[in-house]
Amino acid sequence: MSLKETITNDMKAAMKAGDSQKLGTIRMLLAAMKQREVDERITLTDGDIVALVEKAIKQRKEAIAQFSAGGRNDLVNKETAEIAVLTPYLPAQMSDAEVDAVLAAAVAEVAATGVTGNAAMGKVMAIVKPKLAGKADMSAVSGKVKAKLG
């Protein structure tokens, strides 16, 4: 079953259960998916949907930081609940050891070509992004790459 079908089935289950929080979040995700399909005249793949889910989660994390700073705990709780609804649509997250192994291999590969500095950062990220997309927090990966290269 494709990810799109899974999300649609989850929406139906949320409707039947009367779970308005989950239903609203899933409808928002389906609307974003439909908007992208219409705008780009494509049919989304599972990888495209994972990217949309990652973007939605990132937006919510940024909103949580802003709401926390503003003392709006009610909105922090709402955004946290939405993240909990969206997270199951991501692939299983890689452990830190697995991420470190991928990074070490990429850094060694780039170092073998003699590239250093910011160019090395870009080359390492270009190597690891396809391998880690959706499976690890890319901002944390970026920080680890800086630490390894620095």
Protein backbone atom coordinates (compact mmCIF):
# COMPACT_ATOMS: atom_id res chain seq x y z
CA MET A 1 0.00 0.00 0.00
CA SER A 2 1.37 3.42 -0.91
CA LEU A 3 1.91 6.12 1.66
CA LYS A 4 -0.89 8.20 0.10
CA GLU A 5 -3.34 5.32 0.54
CA THR A 6 -2.21 4.85 4.14
CA ILE A 7 -2.79 8.54 4.90
CA THR A 8 -6.23 8.44 3.25
CA ASN A 9 -7.19 5.34 5.26
CA ASP A 10 -5.99 7.03 8.46
CA MET A 11 -8.20 10.02 7.62
CA LYS A 12 -11.22 7.74 7.26
CA ALA A 13 -10.40 6.04 10.57
CA ALA A 14 -10.07 9.43 12.30
CA MET A 15 -13.47 10.46 10.89
CA LYS A 16 -15.10 7.29 12.19
CA ALA A 17 -13.43 7.69 15.59
CA GLY A 18 -14.39 11.37 15.83
CA ASP A 19 -10.76 12.40 16.44
CA SER A 20 -10.95 16.00 15.25
CA GLN A 21 -7.29 16.82 16.07
CA LYS A 22 -5.94 13.92 14.02
CA LEU A 23 -8.48 14.49 11.26
CA GLY A 24 -7.54 18.16 10.89
CA THR A 25 -3.83 17.38 10.72
CA ILE A 26 -4.28 14.62 8.14
CA ARG A 27 -6.57 16.83 6.04
CA MET A 28 -3.90 19.55 6.12
CA LEU A 29 -1.33 17.03 4.87
CA LEU A 30 -3.64 15.74 2.13
CA ALA A 31 -4.37 19.33 1.06
CA ALA A 32 -0.63 20.05 0.79
CA MET A 33 -0.17 16.87 -1.25
CA LYS A 34 -3.05 17.75 -3.59
CA GLN A 35 -1.78 21.34 -3.96
CA ARG A 36 1.66 20.11 -5.02
CA GLU A 37 0.16 17.61 -7.47
CA VAL A 38 -1.99 20.32 -9.06
CA ASP A 39 0.75 22.97 -9.12
CA GLU A 40 3.39 20.72 -10.66
CA ARG A 41 1.01 18.46 -12.64
CA ILE A 42 2.60 15.32 -11.21
CA THR A 43 1.61 12.33 -9.15
CA LEU A 44 3.50 12.32 -5.87
CA THR A 45 5.73 9.38 -5.03
CA ASP A 46 6.24 8.11 -1.50
CA GLY A 47 9.55 10.02 -1.41
CA ASP A 48 7.77 13.26 -2.33
CA ILE A 49 5.20 12.67 0.40
CA VAL A 50 7.93 12.00 2.97
CA ALA A 51 9.53 15.33 1.98
CA LEU A 52 6.18 17.09 2.52
CA VAL A 53 5.78 15.44 5.94
CA GLU A 54 9.32 16.47 6.91
CA LYS A 55 8.57 20.05 5.85
CA ALA A 56 5.35 20.09 7.87
CA ILE A 57 7.12 18.75 10.96
CA LYS A 58 9.92 21.31 10.56
CA GLN A 59 7.35 24.12 10.35
CA ARG A 60 5.69 22.90 13.52
CA LYS A 61 8.99 22.70 15.39
CA GLU A 62 9.75 26.29 14.39
CA ALA A 63 6.28 27.34 15.52
CA ILE A 64 6.77 25.58 18.86
CA ALA A 65 9.94 27.60 19.44
CA GLN A 66 8.09 30.84 18.69
CA PHE A 67 5.05 29.95 20.80
CA SER A 68 7.26 28.90 23.71
CA ALA A 69 9.05 32.23 23.58
CA GLY A 70 5.67 33.96 23.59
CA GLY A 71 4.34 31.91 26.50
CA ARG A 72 1.53 30.32 24.44
CA ASN A 73 1.49 26.83 25.94
CA ASP A 74 -1.93 26.08 24.43
CA LEU A 75 -0.50 26.51 20.92
CA VAL A 76 2.68 24.61 21.84
CA ASN A 77 0.49 21.65 22.86
CA LYS A 78 -1.49 21.87 19.61
CA GLU A 79 1.65 21.88 17.46
CA THR A 80 3.18 19.03 19.49
CA ALA A 81 0.03 16.95 18.94
CA GLU A 82 0.24 17.62 15.19
CA ILE A 83 3.87 16.45 15.13
CA ALA A 84 2.75 13.24 16.87
CA VAL A 85 0.16 12.67 14.13
CA LEU A 86 2.65 13.32 11.30
CA THR A 87 5.65 11.39 12.63
CA PRO A 88 4.34 7.87 11.81
CA TYR A 89 4.39 8.77 8.10
CA LEU A 90 8.18 9.11 8.16
CA PRO A 91 10.43 6.10 7.59
CA ALA A 92 12.13 4.57 10.62
CA GLN A 93 14.80 6.91 11.93
CA MET A 94 18.44 5.81 11.81
CA SER A 95 20.42 5.54 15.03
CA ASP A 96 23.29 7.93 15.77
CA ALA A 97 25.79 5.14 15.13
CA GLU A 98 24.32 4.43 11.69
CA VAL A 99 24.33 8.15 10.82
CA ASP A 100 27.94 8.46 12.02
CA ALA A 101 28.97 5.51 9.84
CA VAL A 102 27.40 7.09 6.74
CA LEU A 103 29.06 10.44 7.57
CA ALA A 104 32.48 8.84 8.13
CA ALA A 105 32.32 7.11 4.77
CA ALA A 106 31.26 10.32 3.01
CA VAL A 107 33.96 12.40 4.73
CA ALA A 108 36.60 9.83 3.78
CA GLU A 109 35.37 9.83 0.18
CA VAL A 110 35.53 13.64 -0.05
CA ALA A 111 38.92 13.79 1.74
CA ALA A 112 40.30 11.34 -0.84
CA THR A 113 39.53 13.88 -3.58
CA GLY A 114 41.48 16.59 -1.74
CA VAL A 115 38.55 18.99 -1.30
CA THR A 116 38.58 21.09 1.90
CA GLY A 117 36.66 23.91 3.56
CA ASN A 118 33.13 24.89 2.59
CA ALA A 119 33.38 22.97 -0.66
CA ALA A 120 33.95 19.78 1.34
CA MET A 121 30.84 20.51 3.42
CA GLY A 122 28.75 20.79 0.25
CA LYS A 123 30.19 17.64 -1.26
CA VAL A 124 29.66 15.60 1.93
CA MET A 125 26.07 16.82 2.25
CA ALA A 126 25.44 15.97 -1.41
CA ILE A 127 26.62 12.41 -0.73
CA VAL A 128 24.72 11.86 2.53
CA LYS A 129 21.42 13.60 1.74
CA PRO A 130 20.04 10.87 -0.55
CA LYS A 131 21.08 8.21 1.95
CA LEU A 132 19.68 9.94 5.04
CA ALA A 133 16.70 11.94 3.75
CA GLY A 134 13.69 11.13 5.87
CA LYS A 135 15.71 8.79 8.05
CA ALA A 136 17.60 11.40 10.09
CA ASP A 137 17.24 15.04 11.12
CA MET A 138 19.21 16.79 8.39
CA SER A 139 19.96 19.85 10.55
CA ALA A 140 21.60 17.57 13.12
CA VAL A 141 23.45 15.78 10.30
CA SER A 142 24.71 19.14 9.04
CA GLY A 143 26.03 19.96 12.50
CA LYS A 144 27.82 16.61 12.70
CA VAL A 145 29.40 17.18 9.28
CA LYS A 146 30.68 20.60 10.38
CA ALA A 147 32.14 19.04 13.51
CA LYS A 148 33.87 16.27 11.53
CA LEU A 149 35.30 18.69 8.98
CA GLY A 150 36.21 21.39 11.49
